[in-house]
C-alpha atoms as a PDB file:
ATOM      1  CA  MET A   1       0.000   0.000   0.000  1.00  0.00           C
ATOM      2  CA  PRO A   2       1.618   3.305  -1.034  1.00  0.00           C
ATOM      3  CA  ALA A   3       2.615   5.427   1.930  1.00  0.00           C
ATOM      4  CA  SER A   4       1.159   8.501   0.241  1.00  0.00           C
ATOM      5  CA  SER A   5      -2.331   7.198   0.964  1.00  0.00           C
ATOM      6  CA  ALA A   6      -1.726   8.011   4.618  1.00  0.00           C
ATOM      7  CA  GLN A   7      -1.837  11.695   3.704  1.00  0.00           C
ATOM      8  CA  ALA A   8      -5.165  11.481   1.915  1.00  0.00           C
ATOM      9  CA  ARG A   9      -7.820  13.864   3.198  1.00  0.00           C
ATOM     10  CA  LEU A  10     -11.307  12.442   3.208  1.00  0.00           C
ATOM     11  CA  PRO A  11     -13.674  15.051   4.657  1.00  0.00           C
ATOM     12  CA  GLY A  12     -17.124  13.711   5.330  1.00  0.00           C
ATOM     13  CA  ALA A  13     -16.218  10.139   4.406  1.00  0.00           C
ATOM     14  CA  THR A  14     -18.771   7.958   6.154  1.00  0.00           C
ATOM     15  CA  SER A  15     -17.944   4.562   4.673  1.00  0.00           C
ATOM     16  CA  LEU A  16     -14.563   4.390   6.390  1.00  0.00           C
ATOM     17  CA  LEU A  17     -13.833   2.937   9.809  1.00  0.00           C
ATOM     18  CA  SER A  18     -12.325   4.570  12.883  1.00  0.00           C
ATOM     19  CA  ILE A  19      -9.767   2.770  15.066  1.00  0.00           C
ATOM     20  CA  GLY A  20     -12.565   1.803  17.442  1.00  0.00           C
ATOM     21  CA  GLN A  21     -14.624   0.311  14.616  1.00  0.00           C
ATOM     22  CA  VAL A  22     -11.604  -1.598  13.299  1.00  0.00           C
ATOM     23  CA  LEU A  23     -11.019  -3.038  16.765  1.00  0.00           C
ATOM     24  CA  ALA A  24     -14.683  -4.052  16.984  1.00  0.00           C
ATOM     25  CA  ARG A  25     -14.323  -5.933  13.678  1.00  0.00           C
ATOM     26  CA  LEU A  26     -10.982  -7.610  14.412  1.00  0.00           C
ATOM     27  CA  THR A  27     -10.706  -8.263  18.158  1.00  0.00           C
ATOM     28  CA  PRO A  28     -13.107 -11.261  18.099  1.00  0.00           C
ATOM     29  CA  GLU A  29     -10.550 -12.913  15.815  1.00  0.00           C
ATOM     30  CA  PHE A  30      -7.421 -11.273  17.291  1.00  0.00           C
ATOM     31  CA  PRO A  31      -8.115 -10.648  21.007  1.00  0.00           C
ATOM     32  CA  ASP A  32      -4.657  -9.161  21.636  1.00  0.00           C
ATOM     33  CA  LEU A  33      -5.179  -6.334  19.144  1.00  0.00           C
ATOM     34  CA  THR A  34      -5.099  -2.885  20.768  1.00  0.00           C
ATOM     35  CA  PRO A  35      -5.117   0.728  19.544  1.00  0.00           C
ATOM     36  CA  SER A  36      -1.402   0.953  20.342  1.00  0.00           C
ATOM     37  CA  LYS A  37      -0.661  -2.093  18.173  1.00  0.00           C
ATOM     38  CA  LEU A  38      -2.643  -0.595  15.285  1.00  0.00           C
ATOM     39  CA  ARG A  39      -0.638   2.603  15.583  1.00  0.00           C
ATOM     40  CA  PHE A  40       2.589   0.592  15.838  1.00  0.00           C
ATOM     41  CA  LEU A  41       1.791  -1.246  12.582  1.00  0.00           C
ATOM     42  CA  GLU A  42       1.181   2.121  10.947  1.00  0.00           C
ATOM     43  CA  GLU A  43       4.472   3.480  12.302  1.00  0.00           C
ATOM     44  CA  GLN A  44       6.228   0.457  10.788  1.00  0.00           C
ATOM     45  CA  GLY A  45       4.728   1.255   7.388  1.00  0.00           C
ATOM     46  CA  LEU A  46       2.666  -1.912   7.154  1.00  0.00           C
ATOM     47  CA  VAL A  47      -0.681  -0.176   6.877  1.00  0.00           C
ATOM     48  CA  SER A  48      -1.420   3.400   5.825  1.00  0.00           C
ATOM     49  CA  PRO A  49      -4.907   4.556   6.815  1.00  0.00           C
ATOM     50  CA  ALA A  50      -6.275   7.737   5.323  1.00  0.00           C
ATOM     51  CA  ARG A  51      -6.772  10.843   7.436  1.00  0.00           C
ATOM     52  CA  THR A  52      -9.716  13.197   7.748  1.00  0.00           C
ATOM     53  CA  GLU A  53      -9.229  16.963   7.704  1.00  0.00           C
ATOM     54  CA  SER A  54      -9.185  16.761  11.498  1.00  0.00           C
ATOM     55  CA  GLY A  55      -6.356  14.210  11.406  1.00  0.00           C
ATOM     56  CA  TYR A  56      -8.336  11.162  12.491  1.00  0.00           C
ATOM     57  CA  ARG A  57      -7.297   7.811  11.052  1.00  0.00           C
ATOM     58  CA  LYS A  58      -9.826   6.182   8.734  1.00  0.00           C
ATOM     59  CA  PHE A  59      -9.532   2.608   7.473  1.00  0.00           C
ATOM     60  CA  ASN A  60     -11.175   1.242   4.337  1.00  0.00           C
ATOM     61  CA  GLY A  61     -12.043  -2.328   3.429  1.00  0.00           C
ATOM     62  CA  GLY A  62      -8.622  -2.894   1.869  1.00  0.00           C
ATOM     63  CA  ASP A  63      -6.924  -1.725   5.077  1.00  0.00           C
ATOM     64  CA  LEU A  64      -9.069  -4.152   7.063  1.00  0.00           C
ATOM     65  CA  ASP A  65      -8.095  -7.088   4.810  1.00  0.00           C
ATOM     66  CA  ARG A  66      -4.452  -6.035   5.008  1.00  0.00           C
ATOM     67  CA  LEU A  67      -4.581  -5.956   8.801  1.00  0.00           C
ATOM     68  CA  ARG A  68      -6.171  -9.410   8.877  1.00  0.00           C
ATOM     69  CA  LEU A  69      -3.373 -10.679   6.655  1.00  0.00           C
ATOM     70  CA  ILE A  70      -0.649  -9.135   8.833  1.00  0.00           C
ATOM     71  CA  LEU A  71      -2.165 -10.376  12.082  1.00  0.00           C
ATOM     72  CA  SER A  72      -2.787 -13.854  10.664  1.00  0.00           C
ATOM     73  CA  MET A  73       0.815 -14.119   9.464  1.00  0.00           C
ATOM     74  CA  GLN A  74       2.013 -13.176  12.945  1.00  0.00           C
ATOM     75  CA  ARG A  75      -0.367 -15.454  14.812  1.00  0.00           C
ATOM     76  CA  ASP A  76      -0.412 -18.507  12.552  1.00  0.00           C
ATOM     77  CA  HIS A  77       3.113 -18.442  11.104  1.00  0.00           C
ATOM     78  CA  TYR A  78       5.115 -16.498  13.740  1.00  0.00           C
ATOM     79  CA  LEU A  79       6.615 -14.310  11.038  1.00  0.00           C
ATOM     80  CA  PRO A  80       8.615 -11.212  12.043  1.00  0.00           C
ATOM     81  CA  LEU A  81       7.512  -7.829  10.721  1.00  0.00           C
ATOM     82  CA  LYS A  82      10.503  -7.480   8.400  1.00  0.00           C
ATOM     83  CA  VAL A  83       9.461 -10.674   6.598  1.00  0.00           C
ATOM     84  CA  ILE A  84       5.832  -9.562   6.479  1.00  0.00           C
ATOM     85  CA  ARG A  85       6.873  -6.147   5.162  1.00  0.00           C
ATOM     86  CA  SER A  86       8.878  -7.711   2.344  1.00  0.00           C
ATOM     87  CA  TYR A  87       5.933  -9.946   1.476  1.00  0.00           C
ATOM     88  CA  LEU A  88       3.550  -6.969   1.412  1.00  0.00           C
ATOM     89  CA  ASP A  89       5.981  -4.940  -0.699  1.00  0.00           C
ATOM     90  CA  ASP A  90       5.887  -7.710  -3.305  1.00  0.00           C
ATOM     91  CA  LEU A  91       2.087  -7.696  -3.224  1.00  0.00           C
ATOM     92  CA  ASP A  92       2.030  -3.910  -3.622  1.00  0.00           C
ATOM     93  CA  ALA A  93       4.368  -4.252  -6.617  1.00  0.00           C
ATOM     94  CA  GLY A  94       1.807  -6.468  -8.338  1.00  0.00           C
ATOM     95  CA  LEU A  95       3.699  -9.720  -7.750  1.00  0.00           C
ATOM     96  CA  SER A  96       2.275 -13.006  -6.461  1.00  0.00           C
ATOM     97  CA  PRO A  97       4.781 -14.074  -3.810  1.00  0.00           C
ATOM     98  CA  SER A  98       4.511 -17.344  -1.963  1.00  0.00           C
ATOM     99  CA  LEU A  99       3.696 -17.087   1.698  1.00  0.00           C
ATOM    100  CA  PRO A 100       6.997 -17.144   3.638  1.00  0.00           C
ATOM    101  CA  GLY A 101       7.476 -20.622   5.005  1.00  0.00           C
ATOM    102  CA  GLY A 102       5.193 -22.131   2.375  1.00  0.00           C
ATOM    103  CA  GLY A 103       1.617 -21.525   1.373  1.00  0.00           C
ATOM    104  CA  ALA A 104      -0.572 -20.180  -1.349  1.00  0.00           C
ATOM    105  CA  PRO A 105       0.336 -17.148  -3.478  1.00  0.00           C
ATOM    106  CA  GLY A 106      -0.182 -13.773  -1.893  1.00  0.00           C
ATOM    107  CA  PRO A 107      -3.470 -12.463  -3.326  1.00  0.00           C
ATOM    108  CA  SER A 108      -5.398 -15.448  -2.025  1.00  0.00           C
ATOM    109  CA  MET A 109      -4.207 -14.604   1.476  1.00  0.00           C
ATOM    110  CA  LEU A 110      -6.096 -11.313   1.358  1.00  0.00           C
ATOM    111  CA  VAL A 111      -9.326 -13.224   1.858  1.00  0.00           C
ATOM    112  CA  VAL A 112     -10.711 -13.018   5.384  1.00  0.00           C
ATOM    113  CA  ALA A 113      -9.060 -15.630   7.578  1.00  0.00           C
ATOM    114  CA  ARG A 114     -11.370 -18.597   7.996  1.00  0.00           C
ATOM    115  CA  ARG A 115     -12.838 -19.687  11.307  1.00  0.00           C
ATOM    116  CA  PHE A 116     -14.280 -23.147  11.887  1.00  0.00           C
ATOM    117  CA  SER A 117     -16.933 -24.542  14.163  1.00  0.00           C
ATOM    118  CA  ARG A 118     -16.204 -27.934  15.720  1.00  0.00           C
ATOM    119  CA  ASP A 119     -18.132 -29.775  12.997  1.00  0.00           C
ATOM    120  CA  GLU A 120     -16.464 -27.740  10.245  1.00  0.00           C
ATOM    121  CA  LEU A 121     -13.043 -28.426  11.732  1.00  0.00           C
ATOM    122  CA  LEU A 122     -13.694 -32.163  11.746  1.00  0.00           C
ATOM    123  CA  ARG A 123     -15.022 -32.112   8.198  1.00  0.00           C
ATOM    124  CA  GLU A 124     -12.145 -30.020   6.804  1.00  0.00           C
ATOM    125  CA  SER A 125      -9.457 -32.086   8.554  1.00  0.00           C
ATOM    126  CA  GLY A 126     -10.989 -35.499   7.948  1.00  0.00           C
ATOM    127  CA  ALA A 127     -10.463 -36.285  11.632  1.00  0.00           C
ATOM    128  CA  PRO A 128     -12.819 -38.378  13.759  1.00  0.00           C
ATOM    129  CA  ALA A 129     -14.400 -36.621  16.730  1.00  0.00           C
ATOM    130  CA  ALA A 130     -12.423 -38.868  19.103  1.00  0.00           C
ATOM    131  CA  LEU A 131      -9.133 -37.549  17.715  1.00  0.00           C
ATOM    132  CA  LEU A 132     -10.136 -33.933  18.323  1.00  0.00           C
ATOM    133  CA  HIS A 133     -11.258 -34.875  21.824  1.00  0.00           C
ATOM    134  CA  ASP A 134      -7.896 -36.531  22.516  1.00  0.00           C
ATOM    135  CA  ALA A 135      -6.027 -33.537  21.077  1.00  0.00           C
ATOM    136  CA  VAL A 136      -7.915 -31.167  23.389  1.00  0.00           C
ATOM    137  CA  SER A 137      -7.451 -33.502  26.373  1.00  0.00           C
ATOM    138  CA  SER A 138      -3.709 -33.618  25.682  1.00  0.00           C
ATOM    139  CA  SER A 139      -3.565 -29.788  25.348  1.00  0.00           C
ATOM    140  CA  ILE A 140      -2.344 -30.052  21.758  1.00  0.00           C
ATOM    141  CA  ILE A 141      -5.370 -28.045  20.619  1.00  0.00           C
ATOM    142  CA  LEU A 142      -6.988 -25.606  23.027  1.00  0.00           C
ATOM    143  CA  PRO A 143     -10.779 -25.843  23.403  1.00  0.00           C
ATOM    144  CA  ALA A 144     -12.726 -23.095  21.653  1.00  0.00           C
ATOM    145  CA  GLU A 145     -16.096 -22.295  20.134  1.00  0.00           C
ATOM    146  CA  HIS A 146     -14.415 -21.543  16.808  1.00  0.00           C
ATOM    147  CA  TYR A 147     -11.009 -22.641  15.534  1.00  0.00           C
ATOM    148  CA  GLY A 148      -8.531 -21.010  13.183  1.00  0.00           C
ATOM    149  CA  GLU A 149      -6.329 -22.274  10.376  1.00  0.00           C
ATOM    150  CA  ASP A 150      -3.636 -23.209  12.879  1.00  0.00           C
ATOM    151  CA  ALA A 151      -5.938 -25.697  14.630  1.00  0.00           C
ATOM    152  CA  LEU A 152      -6.910 -27.129  11.252  1.00  0.00           C
ATOM    153  CA  GLN A 153      -3.274 -27.697  10.289  1.00  0.00           C
ATOM    154  CA  VAL A 154      -2.535 -29.336  13.655  1.00  0.00           C
ATOM    155  CA  LEU A 155      -5.532 -31.651  13.414  1.00  0.00           C
ATOM    156  CA  ARG A 156      -4.593 -32.657   9.862  1.00  0.00           C
ATOM    157  CA  ALA A 157      -1.087 -33.449  11.102  1.00  0.00           C
ATOM    158  CA  LEU A 158      -2.560 -35.548  13.910  1.00  0.00           C
ATOM    159  CA  VAL A 159      -4.614 -37.496  11.357  1.00  0.00           C
ATOM    160  CA  ASP A 160      -1.409 -38.380   9.495  1.00  0.00           C
ATOM    161  CA  LEU A 161       0.527 -39.114  12.680  1.00  0.00           C
ATOM    162  CA  GLN A 162      -2.189 -41.467  13.852  1.00  0.00           C
ATOM    163  CA  LYS A 163      -1.576 -43.569  10.737  1.00  0.00           C
ATOM    164  CA  SER A 164       1.972 -44.082  12.039  1.00  0.00           C
ATOM    165  CA  GLY A 165       0.752 -45.034  15.500  1.00  0.00           C
ATOM    166  CA  ILE A 166       1.429 -41.639  17.089  1.00  0.00           C
ATOM    167  CA  GLU A 167      -1.484 -40.471  19.218  1.00  0.00           C
ATOM    168  CA  PRO A 168      -2.113 -37.064  20.863  1.00  0.00           C
ATOM    169  CA  ARG A 169      -1.292 -38.542  24.271  1.00  0.00           C
ATOM    170  CA  HIS A 170       2.243 -39.197  22.997  1.00  0.00           C
ATOM    171  CA  LEU A 171       2.625 -35.467  22.361  1.00  0.00           C
ATOM    172  CA  ARG A 172       1.711 -34.117  25.779  1.00  0.00           C
ATOM    173  CA  GLY A 173       5.317 -33.072  26.291  1.00  0.00           C
ATOM    174  CA  PHE A 174       4.980 -30.634  23.412  1.00  0.00           C
ATOM    175  CA  ARG A 175       2.745 -28.373  25.509  1.00  0.00           C
ATOM    176  CA  GLY A 176       5.344 -28.364  28.303  1.00  0.00           C
ATOM    177  CA  ALA A 177       8.083 -27.528  25.795  1.00  0.00           C
ATOM    178  CA  ALA A 178       5.969 -24.676  24.436  1.00  0.00           C
ATOM    179  CA  GLU A 179       5.459 -23.323  27.960  1.00  0.00           C
ATOM    180  CA  ARG A 180       9.218 -23.438  28.575  1.00  0.00           C
ATOM    181  CA  GLU A 181       9.814 -21.484  25.364  1.00  0.00           C
ATOM    182  CA  LEU A 182       7.208 -18.979  26.501  1.00  0.00           C
ATOM    183  CA  GLY A 183       9.187 -18.588  29.714  1.00  0.00           C
ATOM    184  CA  LEU A 184      12.304 -17.778  27.693  1.00  0.00           C
ATOM    185  CA  ILE A 185      10.402 -15.186  25.693  1.00  0.00           C
ATOM    186  CA  GLU A 186       8.928 -13.587  28.810  1.00  0.00           C
ATOM    187  CA  SER A 187      12.394 -13.371  30.385  1.00  0.00           C
ATOM    188  CA  ALA A 188      13.768 -11.648  27.294  1.00  0.00           C
ATOM    189  CA  LEU A 189      10.947  -9.108  27.406  1.00  0.00           C
ATOM    190  CA  VAL A 190      11.344  -8.155  31.074  1.00  0.00           C
ATOM    191  CA  PRO A 191      13.060  -4.790  30.338  1.00  0.00           C
ATOM    192  CA  LEU A 192      10.217  -3.747  28.032  1.00  0.00           C
ATOM    193  CA  ALA A 193       7.525  -5.217  30.262  1.00  0.00           C
ATOM    194  CA  ARG A 194       8.624  -2.912  33.077  1.00  0.00           C
ATOM    195  CA  ARG A 195       7.675   0.071  30.949  1.00  0.00           C
ATOM    196  CA  LYS A 196       4.004   0.931  30.924  1.00  0.00           C
ATOM    197  CA  ASP A 197       3.756   3.098  27.798  1.00  0.00           C
ATOM    198  CA  ALA A 198       1.812   1.892  24.746  1.00  0.00           C
ATOM    199  CA  SER A 199       4.844   2.011  22.458  1.00  0.00           C
ATOM    200  CA  SER A 200       6.813  -0.368  24.700  1.00  0.00           C
ATOM    201  CA  ARG A 201       3.889  -2.791  24.878  1.00  0.00           C
ATOM    202  CA  ALA A 202       3.591  -2.815  21.097  1.00  0.00           C
ATOM    203  CA  LYS A 203       7.336  -3.338  20.704  1.00  0.00           C
ATOM    204  CA  ALA A 204       7.231  -6.184  23.239  1.00  0.00           C
ATOM    205  CA  ALA A 205       4.494  -7.889  21.210  1.00  0.00           C
ATOM    206  CA  GLU A 206       6.588  -7.614  18.060  1.00  0.00           C
ATOM    207  CA  MET A 207       9.743  -8.873  19.804  1.00  0.00           C
ATOM    208  CA  ALA A 208       7.804 -11.867  21.139  1.00  0.00           C
ATOM    209  CA  VAL A 209       6.898 -12.873  17.584  1.00  0.00           C
ATOM    210  CA  GLU A 210      10.490 -12.343  16.428  1.00  0.00           C
ATOM    211  CA  ILE A 211      11.918 -14.509  19.224  1.00  0.00           C
ATOM    212  CA  ALA A 212       9.322 -17.230  18.648  1.00  0.00           C
ATOM    213  CA  GLY A 213      10.328 -17.347  14.989  1.00  0.00           C
ATOM    214  CA  GLN A 214      14.004 -17.658  15.876  1.00  0.00           C
ATOM    215  CA  LEU A 215      13.272 -20.473  18.340  1.00  0.00           C
ATOM    216  CA  GLU A 216      11.323 -22.237  15.588  1.00  0.00           C
ATOM    217  CA  VAL A 217      14.392 -22.064  13.319  1.00  0.00           C
ATOM    218  CA  ILE A 218      16.585 -23.640  16.004  1.00  0.00           C
ATOM    219  CA  ARG A 219      14.031 -26.333  16.826  1.00  0.00           C
ATOM    220  CA  GLY A 220      13.702 -27.263  13.156  1.00  0.00           C
ATOM    221  CA  SER A 221      17.473 -27.441  12.755  1.00  0.00           C
ATOM    222  CA  LEU A 222      17.840 -29.731  15.776  1.00  0.00           C
ATOM    223  CA  ILE A 223      15.156 -32.077  14.477  1.00  0.00           C
ATOM    224  CA  ARG A 224      16.696 -32.207  10.995  1.00  0.00           C
ATOM    225  CA  SER A 225      20.097 -32.919  12.522  1.00  0.00           C
ATOM    226  CA  ALA A 226      18.660 -35.736  14.625  1.00  0.00           C
ATOM    227  CA  LEU A 227      16.904 -37.189  11.580  1.00  0.00           C
ATOM    228  CA  GLY A 228      20.209 -37.167   9.736  1.00  0.00           C
ATOM    229  CA  ARG A 229      21.777 -39.316  12.447  1.00  0.00           C
ATOM    230  CA  LEU A 230      18.756 -41.604  12.470  1.00  0.00           C
ATOM    231  CA  THR A 231      19.030 -42.383   8.769  1.00  0.00           C
ATOM    232  CA  LYS A 232      22.767 -43.062   8.739  1.00  0.00           C
END
C-alpha cells in the first residue's frame, strides 16, 4: 500500500472505519489487538490509513483485509515484521509471492481468515471426533467455540501421525516444551515489560513474535540434525 495514501484527506467520508470500529471488527478474531498495536503497525509502514481533515485515522475495506493478513501471518506463522513487510511490498508491486514458510500465493491470502466450528473443523481435517477430543485432552489443541487455520493444520497433522501409530497422548510433552519457550520469551521481554507506555507494549508484542520465529528455526534445525543421524 503506497505510503502517500496516509496523507489522503477524506472530509465527510462515512464509509470508512475509525480505530474503534476496526477493533470491533478484528478483536473477536485477534483478542490481543489494541489501539497501540494498530498505531505501531502504521508506524512500521505496514498499513497506511487515510486521514480526515481533522487528522483522524480512517480505514477502508482494503486496510481491514491487510490488517487481517498481517495479524494472521504473525499469529499462525510467527513471522517477524521485516518478513511480512517484504511480502507486502511484493504484493504492492503487483507480484504473487509465496507465503513465507510455504503456502498459497499472496493475493489469495487477502481473503478473510477462515474460522471453523467444531463440525467444520472435523469435516475439513478429515479427523474423527475422538481424535479432536484426545487432542484437546492432551492440550495439543486448546478448546474453543471456533477454531482457526492453525488448529486445522494441527488436526490434519494428527490425522497423518495417527496412521503411524502416534497419538495425541504421545505429544503431551509438546505443551510443556511450548510453555518453557514462553518462559524464555517472557524473560527476554522483562526490560520492556517494566515500561508501561503503549509504544513499549507494542514493541514487546513484536519482539515476542520475532523470538518465537528464531526459536522455531533452532528447533527445526535440531530435528533435521537428529533425523540425519537416524538415517545413517
